[in-house]
Amino acid sequence: MSISLVSNSYLDENSAKIRAKPVPWEGYQRAGLITSEELALIKKVDRQSKAKIESLLVSDGQTYALLYLRLLKKLQRIDTQSFILVLIADALTDHEERIPWFTDAAQSDPELPYGALLRILDSQDDFVQLKATQTLTVLLSSEKAPLQPQQLSPFLNTLSLFVVNTSTYKRDIAVQCLEATLSRPECRKAVWTNASLVGGLVDILRQTSTPQMSYQVGFCLWLLSFEQEVAEQIQKRFDVIPLLVDVAQGAAKEKVIRVIVATFRNLVSKAPQANLPAMLVAHLLPFAKNLSSRKWTDEDIVEDIQFLRDELSARFESLTTYDEYRSELLSGHLSWTPVHESDLFWKENATKLNDKDYELLKILIRLLSDSSDPTVLAVASHDIGQYVKHYERGKKILTDLGGKTRVMELMSHANSDVRYQALISVQRLVSHPWAAV
């Protein structure tokens, strides 16, 4: 991997300034922090022309790689660390074949290269943090052996702080680093266990307005979706399907649509039961039909769209009205679709909410507590009322499950529709049928 694949104007501009700054190498030697041999070597590249440094690397590159890492390991000053990191990046720029110079340093010192680089991820200096992250990305993504947790965890924890940072260049670099490393299965598994990192990526997608960042985050999600566990759980944990549909519908760039459609294909292929219901509720089928009528420059997207359209069509055609309701409920995105207000539907299906240890009823109650969307709260309150209207014993079940208390709380909600639906449901919950008098 080329180091230029993780690039940013902030890094470029600061690197240029740092190359010109003097470093007190002689002072370090007098203090016993570096040897006379190390001093002689580093002085040959200190503030020298690119051509001169390049000639030294061509003749003695392995020696200089080891020198840079050893100096980084033992010198603490931020300006010195910055300078060494720039030297490392310059050595690697446009020279992927030099990466083993650094990764093989472990043969001379087991703490290298990663110990020195991971330690300075805790630096209070932005440039040192980001430049170390850039270098680590190149080395980790190029390792021949599987990456170990002690290498990945501090690296990914740093990225998780970057993706939620208000700094655009930190978010930008974090996403680029993930793009480069998520091709490795062990990295995908480690990222998936870092909820704040995945959540940060999803939040960037919710907030971003640039096609490039939408594509880059979409690319990260696509890579993650190759993991079975991710495909099974990402919708449930992060509600990504409606978000991805929205992004694709608003995208002007083909590459954004392409990577999202490819992600959907993975989700359907690996975990259809977990993802198809949410896709239907998010109206992916009509969107897929619309996409299939367009002209595309990439043949892969044509095949992926066809696959999605066929799978969603087959699922849609086999759905009963109850299946539609269940899909909507499982997605968490309730809206005033006709099924909610159909008395016939509730008469035939109210007791089905009791199936599998009240699975769907518990989801309704959870939505009343967890959702902040007034439409979801109003529809869920309405459905609770319909359930007890058509299933008298449901009143005690709802009370035991905590649903009655939550519906009563919603009678004082700020939204008038939520208040109204909650009031109707509470009236049904506390009413007594004539047969019981």
Protein backbone atom coordinates (compact mmCIF):
# COMPACT_ATOMS: atom_id res chain seq x y z
CA MET A 1 0.00 0.00 0.00
CA SER A 2 1.27 3.46 -0.87
CA ILE A 3 1.42 6.05 1.92
CA SER A 4 -0.17 8.53 -0.48
CA LEU A 5 -3.45 6.62 -0.12
CA VAL A 6 -3.76 8.23 3.32
CA SER A 7 -3.29 11.90 2.54
CA ASN A 8 -4.58 15.21 3.78
CA SER A 9 -3.70 18.85 3.22
CA TYR A 10 -3.08 19.30 6.96
CA LEU A 11 -0.38 16.61 6.90
CA ASP A 12 1.15 17.89 3.68
CA GLU A 13 1.38 21.52 4.81
CA ASN A 14 2.81 20.71 8.23
CA SER A 15 5.29 18.18 6.82
CA ALA A 16 6.76 20.88 4.58
CA LYS A 17 7.30 23.18 7.60
CA ILE A 18 8.79 20.42 9.74
CA ARG A 19 11.38 19.43 7.11
CA ALA A 20 12.91 22.91 7.37
CA LYS A 21 13.11 23.06 11.18
CA PRO A 22 16.42 22.37 12.94
CA VAL A 23 16.64 19.47 15.42
CA PRO A 24 19.28 19.52 18.23
CA TRP A 25 20.93 16.24 17.29
CA GLU A 26 24.30 17.20 18.79
CA GLY A 27 22.56 18.05 22.07
CA TYR A 28 20.97 14.61 22.11
CA GLN A 29 24.39 13.04 21.57
CA ARG A 30 25.98 15.09 24.38
CA ALA A 31 23.15 14.07 26.70
CA GLY A 32 23.76 10.43 25.90
CA LEU A 33 20.36 10.00 24.22
CA ILE A 34 21.84 8.98 20.87
CA THR A 35 25.17 7.43 19.92
CA SER A 36 27.87 9.07 17.83
CA GLU A 37 27.11 6.55 15.07
CA GLU A 38 23.42 7.52 15.11
CA LEU A 39 24.37 11.19 15.05
CA ALA A 40 26.58 10.70 11.99
CA LEU A 41 23.83 8.85 10.14
CA ILE A 42 21.01 11.28 10.94
CA LYS A 43 23.10 14.34 10.07
CA LYS A 44 23.48 12.99 6.54
CA VAL A 45 19.69 13.30 5.98
CA ASP A 46 18.95 16.27 8.24
CA ARG A 47 17.50 19.09 6.08
CA GLN A 48 19.13 17.66 2.96
CA SER A 49 17.75 17.71 -0.57
CA LYS A 50 15.31 15.03 -1.60
CA ALA A 51 17.83 13.72 -4.17
CA LYS A 52 20.60 13.33 -1.58
CA ILE A 53 18.34 11.55 0.91
CA GLU A 54 17.06 9.31 -1.85
CA SER A 55 20.60 8.27 -2.85
CA LEU A 56 21.34 7.33 0.78
CA LEU A 57 18.15 5.26 0.98
CA VAL A 58 18.96 3.47 -2.25
CA SER A 59 22.37 2.44 -0.92
CA ASP A 60 21.54 1.94 2.78
CA GLY A 61 17.77 1.97 3.21
CA GLN A 62 17.46 -0.81 5.80
CA THR A 63 19.98 0.96 8.05
CA TYR A 64 18.05 4.22 7.88
CA ALA A 65 14.68 2.55 8.49
CA LEU A 66 16.06 0.99 11.67
CA LEU A 67 17.67 4.29 12.67
CA TYR A 68 14.40 6.21 12.30
CA LEU A 69 12.48 3.69 14.39
CA ARG A 70 15.10 3.53 17.13
CA LEU A 71 15.20 7.32 17.40
CA LEU A 72 11.41 7.45 17.49
CA LYS A 73 11.42 4.90 20.30
CA LYS A 74 13.77 6.82 22.60
CA LEU A 75 13.32 10.53 21.83
CA GLN A 76 10.42 12.31 23.50
CA ARG A 77 10.34 15.87 22.11
CA ILE A 78 7.38 16.53 19.84
CA ASP A 79 9.38 18.47 17.23
CA THR A 80 11.88 15.59 16.99
CA GLN A 81 9.16 12.95 16.75
CA SER A 82 7.48 15.01 14.04
CA PHE A 83 10.71 15.24 12.06
CA ILE A 84 11.37 11.49 12.26
CA LEU A 85 7.80 10.68 11.20
CA VAL A 86 8.21 12.93 8.17
CA LEU A 87 11.46 11.13 7.26
CA ILE A 88 9.67 7.77 7.49
CA ALA A 89 6.78 8.95 5.33
CA ASP A 90 9.17 10.46 2.76
CA ALA A 91 11.06 7.16 2.55
CA LEU A 92 7.83 5.25 1.90
CA THR A 93 6.19 7.69 -0.53
CA ASP A 94 5.92 6.03 -3.96
CA HIS A 95 8.04 3.12 -2.68
CA GLU A 96 5.87 0.26 -1.47
CA GLU A 97 8.83 -2.08 -1.87
CA ARG A 98 10.46 -0.33 1.10
CA ILE A 99 7.73 -1.27 3.57
CA PRO A 100 9.62 -4.47 4.62
CA TRP A 101 12.55 -2.30 5.72
CA PHE A 102 10.28 -1.15 8.55
CA THR A 103 8.16 -4.24 9.22
CA ASP A 104 11.31 -6.40 9.39
CA ALA A 105 12.77 -4.19 12.14
CA ALA A 106 11.33 -6.65 14.66
CA GLN A 107 14.23 -8.96 13.81
CA SER A 108 16.60 -6.43 15.42
CA ASP A 109 14.26 -5.25 18.19
CA PRO A 110 10.95 -7.03 19.05
CA GLU A 111 9.41 -3.69 20.06
CA LEU A 112 9.86 -2.32 16.56
CA PRO A 113 8.23 -1.06 14.45
CA TYR A 114 4.90 -1.04 16.28
CA GLY A 115 5.94 -0.28 19.86
CA ALA A 116 7.47 3.04 18.91
CA LEU A 117 4.57 4.10 16.68
CA LEU A 118 1.75 2.92 18.95
CA ARG A 119 3.26 4.69 21.96
CA ILE A 120 3.05 8.10 20.31
CA LEU A 121 -0.62 7.67 19.41
CA ASP A 122 -1.18 9.09 22.92
CA SER A 123 0.69 12.27 21.99
CA GLN A 124 -1.03 15.56 22.76
CA ASP A 125 0.20 16.87 19.41
CA ASP A 126 -2.22 16.47 16.50
CA PHE A 127 0.46 16.17 13.84
CA VAL A 128 2.38 13.44 15.70
CA GLN A 129 -0.85 11.50 16.30
CA LEU A 130 -2.01 11.75 12.72
CA LYS A 131 1.36 11.11 11.11
CA ALA A 132 1.88 8.03 13.30
CA THR A 133 -1.59 6.83 12.33
CA GLN A 134 -0.77 7.30 8.65
CA THR A 135 2.45 5.29 8.96
CA LEU A 136 0.80 2.55 11.03
CA THR A 137 -1.90 2.20 8.38
CA VAL A 138 0.70 1.53 5.70
CA LEU A 139 2.62 -0.98 7.79
CA LEU A 140 -0.38 -2.82 9.26
CA SER A 141 -2.17 -3.16 5.93
CA SER A 142 1.00 -4.63 4.39
CA GLU A 143 1.86 -7.18 7.10
CA LYS A 144 2.16 -10.74 5.83
CA ALA A 145 1.31 -12.35 9.19
CA PRO A 146 -2.13 -11.92 10.85
CA LEU A 147 -2.29 -8.76 12.94
CA GLN A 148 -2.30 -9.22 16.71
CA PRO A 149 -4.75 -7.57 19.14
CA GLN A 150 -1.94 -5.63 20.82
CA GLN A 151 -1.18 -4.05 17.44
CA LEU A 152 -4.76 -3.40 16.39
CA SER A 153 -6.50 -2.30 19.61
CA PRO A 154 -4.60 0.96 20.30
CA PHE A 155 -4.64 1.81 16.59
CA LEU A 156 -8.41 1.31 16.28
CA ASN A 157 -9.10 3.06 19.60
CA THR A 158 -7.31 6.11 18.22
CA LEU A 159 -9.37 5.97 15.03
CA SER A 160 -12.56 5.73 17.10
CA LEU A 161 -11.62 9.05 18.74
CA PHE A 162 -10.88 10.58 15.35
CA VAL A 163 -14.22 9.65 13.73
CA VAL A 164 -16.21 11.47 16.42
CA ASN A 165 -13.86 14.47 16.55
CA THR A 166 -15.10 17.86 15.38
CA SER A 167 -11.93 18.24 13.30
CA THR A 168 -12.66 17.43 9.65
CA TYR A 169 -9.09 16.39 8.92
CA LYS A 170 -9.11 13.87 11.80
CA ARG A 171 -12.35 12.33 10.55
CA ASP A 172 -11.01 12.33 6.99
CA ILE A 173 -7.78 10.56 7.92
CA ALA A 174 -9.58 8.04 10.14
CA VAL A 175 -11.89 7.01 7.31
CA GLN A 176 -8.95 6.70 4.89
CA CYS A 177 -7.09 4.51 7.40
CA LEU A 178 -10.12 2.24 7.73
CA GLU A 179 -10.51 2.00 3.97
CA ALA A 180 -6.94 0.74 3.78
CA THR A 181 -7.06 -1.76 6.64
CA LEU A 182 -10.58 -3.23 6.46
CA SER A 183 -9.58 -5.51 3.60
CA ARG A 184 -7.97 -7.67 6.30
CA PRO A 185 -10.42 -10.10 8.00
CA GLU A 186 -8.82 -9.70 11.44
CA CYS A 187 -9.19 -5.94 11.13
CA ARG A 188 -12.87 -6.23 10.16
CA LYS A 189 -13.53 -8.42 13.21
CA ALA A 190 -11.68 -6.01 15.51
CA VAL A 191 -13.50 -2.97 14.11
CA TRP A 192 -16.86 -4.69 14.57
CA THR A 193 -16.16 -5.14 18.29
CA ASN A 194 -15.47 -1.41 18.58
CA ALA A 195 -19.02 -0.04 18.70
CA SER A 196 -17.96 3.61 18.95
CA LEU A 197 -15.89 3.26 15.78
CA VAL A 198 -18.72 1.73 13.73
CA GLY A 199 -21.22 4.16 15.25
CA GLY A 200 -18.91 7.05 14.39
CA LEU A 201 -18.76 5.93 10.77
CA VAL A 202 -22.56 5.74 10.59
CA ASP A 203 -22.86 9.21 12.15
CA ILE A 204 -20.46 10.65 9.56
CA LEU A 205 -22.71 9.23 6.86
CA ARG A 206 -25.77 10.82 8.50
CA GLN A 207 -24.07 14.22 8.68
CA THR A 208 -21.88 14.35 5.59
CA SER A 209 -22.71 16.41 2.55
CA THR A 210 -19.76 15.51 0.31
CA PRO A 211 -20.05 12.71 -2.27
CA GLN A 212 -16.43 11.68 -1.64
CA MET A 213 -16.95 11.12 2.09
CA SER A 214 -20.23 9.29 1.42
CA TYR A 215 -18.34 6.99 -0.92
CA GLN A 216 -15.47 6.43 1.51
CA VAL A 217 -17.72 5.59 4.46
CA GLY A 218 -19.87 3.42 2.17
CA PHE A 219 -16.71 1.62 1.09
CA CYS A 220 -15.85 0.91 4.75
CA LEU A 221 -19.36 -0.47 5.40
CA TRP A 222 -19.11 -2.60 2.25
CA LEU A 223 -15.84 -4.13 3.46
CA LEU A 224 -17.35 -4.75 6.91
CA SER A 225 -20.37 -6.46 5.35
CA PHE A 226 -18.21 -9.35 4.16
CA GLU A 227 -18.22 -10.60 7.77
CA GLN A 228 -21.15 -12.90 8.55
CA GLU A 229 -21.67 -11.48 12.04
CA VAL A 230 -21.69 -7.92 10.69
CA ALA A 231 -24.24 -8.81 8.00
CA GLU A 232 -26.48 -10.40 10.63
CA GLN A 233 -26.34 -7.57 13.17
CA ILE A 234 -25.50 -4.23 11.57
CA GLN A 235 -29.10 -3.30 10.77
CA LYS A 236 -30.33 -4.21 14.23
CA ARG A 237 -27.51 -2.36 16.00
CA PHE A 238 -27.05 0.70 13.77
CA ASP A 239 -30.20 1.00 11.60
CA VAL A 240 -28.08 1.47 8.47
CA ILE A 241 -30.46 0.29 5.76
CA PRO A 242 -32.83 3.29 5.64
CA LEU A 243 -29.81 5.58 5.93
CA LEU A 244 -28.02 3.89 3.01
CA VAL A 245 -31.20 4.02 0.92
CA ASP A 246 -31.49 7.77 1.60
CA VAL A 247 -27.84 8.37 0.71
CA ALA A 248 -28.12 6.35 -2.51
CA GLN A 249 -31.34 8.11 -3.52
CA GLY A 250 -29.70 11.52 -3.06
CA ALA A 251 -26.38 10.58 -4.68
CA ALA A 252 -25.30 12.19 -7.92
CA LYS A 253 -22.11 10.12 -8.24
CA GLU A 254 -22.32 6.61 -9.66
CA LYS A 255 -19.58 5.33 -7.35
CA VAL A 256 -21.65 6.21 -4.25
CA ILE A 257 -24.63 4.23 -5.54
CA ARG A 258 -22.36 1.39 -6.65
CA VAL A 259 -20.77 0.84 -3.24
CA ILE A 260 -24.12 1.04 -1.42
CA VAL A 261 -25.77 -1.42 -3.80
CA ALA A 262 -22.79 -3.77 -3.36
CA THR A 263 -23.23 -3.50 0.43
CA PHE A 264 -26.92 -4.35 0.11
CA ARG A 265 -26.03 -7.38 -1.98
CA ASN A 266 -23.71 -8.65 0.75
CA LEU A 267 -26.36 -8.08 3.42
CA VAL A 268 -28.98 -9.98 1.43
CA SER A 269 -26.63 -12.82 0.43
CA LYS A 270 -25.27 -13.39 3.93
CA ALA A 271 -28.25 -12.58 6.18
CA PRO A 272 -31.54 -12.28 4.26
CA GLN A 273 -33.78 -12.77 7.30
CA ALA A 274 -32.02 -10.00 9.19
CA ASN A 275 -32.06 -7.45 6.36
CA LEU A 276 -34.82 -8.03 3.80
CA PRO A 277 -37.64 -6.81 6.11
CA ALA A 278 -35.90 -3.48 6.71
CA MET A 279 -35.13 -3.16 3.00
CA LEU A 280 -38.79 -3.57 2.10
CA VAL A 281 -39.88 -1.06 4.73
CA ALA A 282 -37.26 1.41 3.43
CA HIS A 283 -38.80 1.02 -0.08
CA LEU A 284 -35.63 -0.39 -1.58
CA LEU A 285 -37.61 -2.46 -4.10
CA PRO A 286 -39.07 0.48 -6.08
CA PHE A 287 -35.69 2.21 -5.88
CA ALA A 288 -33.96 -0.92 -7.23
CA LYS A 289 -36.48 -1.06 -10.09
CA ASN A 290 -35.72 2.58 -10.83
CA LEU A 291 -31.97 1.90 -10.78
CA SER A 292 -32.35 -1.04 -13.17
CA SER A 293 -33.82 1.28 -15.81
CA ARG A 294 -30.78 3.59 -15.80
CA LYS A 295 -27.62 3.36 -17.87
CA TRP A 296 -24.42 2.49 -15.97
CA THR A 297 -20.75 2.52 -16.92
CA ASP A 298 -19.88 -0.29 -14.47
CA GLU A 299 -21.11 -3.79 -15.29
CA ASP A 300 -20.86 -4.92 -11.66
CA ILE A 301 -23.51 -2.47 -10.52
CA VAL A 302 -25.93 -3.75 -13.19
CA GLU A 303 -25.54 -7.30 -11.87
CA ASP A 304 -25.89 -6.21 -8.23
CA ILE A 305 -29.04 -4.17 -8.96
CA GLN A 306 -30.60 -7.13 -10.79
CA PHE A 307 -29.79 -9.43 -7.88
CA LEU A 308 -31.34 -7.01 -5.38
CA ARG A 309 -34.45 -6.46 -7.48
CA ASP A 310 -35.02 -10.20 -7.93
CA GLU A 311 -34.51 -11.02 -4.25
CA LEU A 312 -36.73 -8.19 -3.03
CA SER A 313 -39.43 -8.96 -5.61
CA ALA A 314 -39.54 -12.62 -4.59
CA ARG A 315 -39.80 -11.64 -0.95
CA PHE A 316 -42.46 -9.02 -1.61
CA GLU A 317 -44.65 -11.35 -3.65
CA SER A 318 -44.69 -13.94 -0.87
CA LEU A 319 -45.57 -11.45 1.88
CA THR A 320 -48.93 -11.62 3.63
CA THR A 321 -50.34 -8.50 5.25
CA TYR A 322 -49.09 -9.78 8.58
CA ASP A 323 -45.60 -10.31 7.12
CA GLU A 324 -45.62 -6.69 6.00
CA TYR A 325 -46.60 -5.55 9.48
CA ARG A 326 -43.96 -7.74 11.09
CA SER A 327 -41.28 -6.41 8.71
CA GLU A 328 -42.21 -2.85 9.55
CA LEU A 329 -42.16 -3.54 13.27
CA LEU A 330 -38.81 -5.33 13.15
CA SER A 331 -37.31 -2.40 11.25
CA GLY A 332 -38.36 0.02 13.99
CA HIS A 333 -39.62 2.49 11.37
CA LEU A 334 -43.37 2.60 11.99
CA SER A 335 -45.51 4.86 9.84
CA TRP A 336 -49.23 5.20 9.12
CA THR A 337 -49.41 2.41 6.54
CA PRO A 338 -52.98 1.08 5.96
CA VAL A 339 -52.43 -2.07 8.01
CA HIS A 340 -52.35 -0.16 11.33
CA GLU A 341 -55.84 1.26 10.93
CA SER A 342 -57.47 -1.88 9.54
CA ASP A 343 -59.90 -3.37 12.08
CA LEU A 344 -60.01 -6.57 10.03
CA PHE A 345 -56.25 -6.93 10.26
CA TRP A 346 -56.27 -6.58 14.05
CA LYS A 347 -59.23 -8.90 14.47
CA GLU A 348 -57.34 -11.62 12.56
CA ASN A 349 -53.84 -10.96 13.85
CA ALA A 350 -53.86 -9.35 17.33
CA THR A 351 -53.05 -12.64 19.09
CA LYS A 352 -50.03 -13.21 16.82
CA LEU A 353 -48.23 -10.54 18.82
CA ASN A 354 -48.09 -13.19 21.58
CA ASP A 355 -46.07 -15.63 19.44
CA LYS A 356 -42.48 -16.52 20.38
CA ASP A 357 -42.86 -15.29 23.97
CA TYR A 358 -44.55 -12.03 22.93
CA GLU A 359 -41.69 -11.11 20.58
CA LEU A 360 -43.53 -8.45 18.57
CA LEU A 361 -45.42 -7.08 21.56
CA LYS A 362 -42.11 -6.56 23.38
CA ILE A 363 -40.75 -4.74 20.32
CA LEU A 364 -43.77 -2.41 20.36
CA ILE A 365 -43.21 -1.66 24.05
CA ARG A 366 -39.48 -1.12 23.48
CA LEU A 367 -40.23 1.37 20.70
CA LEU A 368 -42.43 3.31 23.12
CA SER A 369 -39.40 3.69 25.41
CA ASP A 370 -36.50 3.96 22.97
CA SER A 371 -37.82 5.95 20.02
CA SER A 372 -37.77 9.73 19.90
CA ASP A 373 -39.70 9.90 16.60
CA PRO A 374 -43.25 11.22 17.26
CA THR A 375 -44.67 9.22 14.33
CA VAL A 376 -43.20 5.97 15.67
CA LEU A 377 -44.50 6.74 19.18
CA ALA A 378 -47.98 7.60 17.88
CA VAL A 379 -48.27 4.49 15.69
CA ALA A 380 -46.90 2.20 18.44
CA SER A 381 -49.35 3.67 20.98
CA HIS A 382 -52.18 3.13 18.48
CA ASP A 383 -51.14 -0.49 17.90
CA ILE A 384 -51.09 -1.17 21.66
CA GLY A 385 -54.67 0.07 21.79
CA GLN A 386 -55.68 -2.15 18.86
CA TYR A 387 -54.03 -5.16 20.51
CA VAL A 388 -56.01 -4.85 23.76
CA LYS A 389 -59.21 -3.95 21.88
CA HIS A 390 -59.12 -7.26 20.03
CA TYR A 391 -57.48 -9.36 22.76
CA GLU A 392 -58.95 -8.71 26.20
CA ARG A 393 -56.33 -10.73 28.09
CA GLY A 394 -53.68 -8.52 26.58
CA LYS A 395 -54.32 -5.86 29.24
CA LYS A 396 -52.67 -7.90 32.00
CA ILE A 397 -49.84 -8.99 29.69
CA LEU A 398 -49.13 -5.37 28.74
CA THR A 399 -49.19 -4.30 32.37
CA ASP A 400 -46.79 -7.10 33.36
CA LEU A 401 -44.41 -6.15 30.53
CA GLY A 402 -44.39 -2.46 31.50
CA GLY A 403 -46.31 -1.28 28.43
CA LYS A 404 -49.22 0.26 30.34
CA THR A 405 -46.95 2.51 32.41
CA ARG A 406 -45.12 3.78 29.32
CA VAL A 407 -48.32 4.49 27.36
CA MET A 408 -49.66 6.45 30.33
CA GLU A 409 -46.46 8.51 30.40
CA LEU A 410 -46.95 9.38 26.73
CA MET A 411 -50.28 11.08 27.52
CA SER A 412 -48.16 14.10 28.51
CA HIS A 413 -45.87 13.98 25.45
CA ALA A 414 -45.11 17.26 23.66
CA ASN A 415 -46.58 15.98 20.36
CA SER A 416 -50.39 16.19 20.12
CA ASP A 417 -50.77 13.07 17.96
CA VAL A 418 -48.71 11.01 20.42
CA ARG A 419 -50.86 12.33 23.31
CA TYR A 420 -54.07 11.49 21.47
CA GLN A 421 -53.05 7.93 20.52
CA ALA A 422 -51.72 7.28 24.02
CA LEU A 423 -55.01 8.53 25.53
CA ILE A 424 -57.12 6.22 23.31
CA SER A 425 -54.90 3.25 24.23
CA VAL A 426 -55.06 3.99 27.96
CA GLN A 427 -58.87 4.21 27.75
CA ARG A 428 -58.91 0.73 26.23
CA LEU A 429 -56.42 -0.57 28.78
CA VAL A 430 -58.52 0.55 31.78
CA SER A 431 -61.97 -0.15 30.35
CA HIS A 432 -64.02 -3.19 31.45
CA PRO A 433 -66.12 -5.18 28.97
CA TRP A 434 -69.81 -5.58 29.74
CA ALA A 435 -69.34 -9.33 29.91
CA ALA A 436 -67.20 -8.94 33.01
CA VAL A 437 -69.80 -6.82 34.92
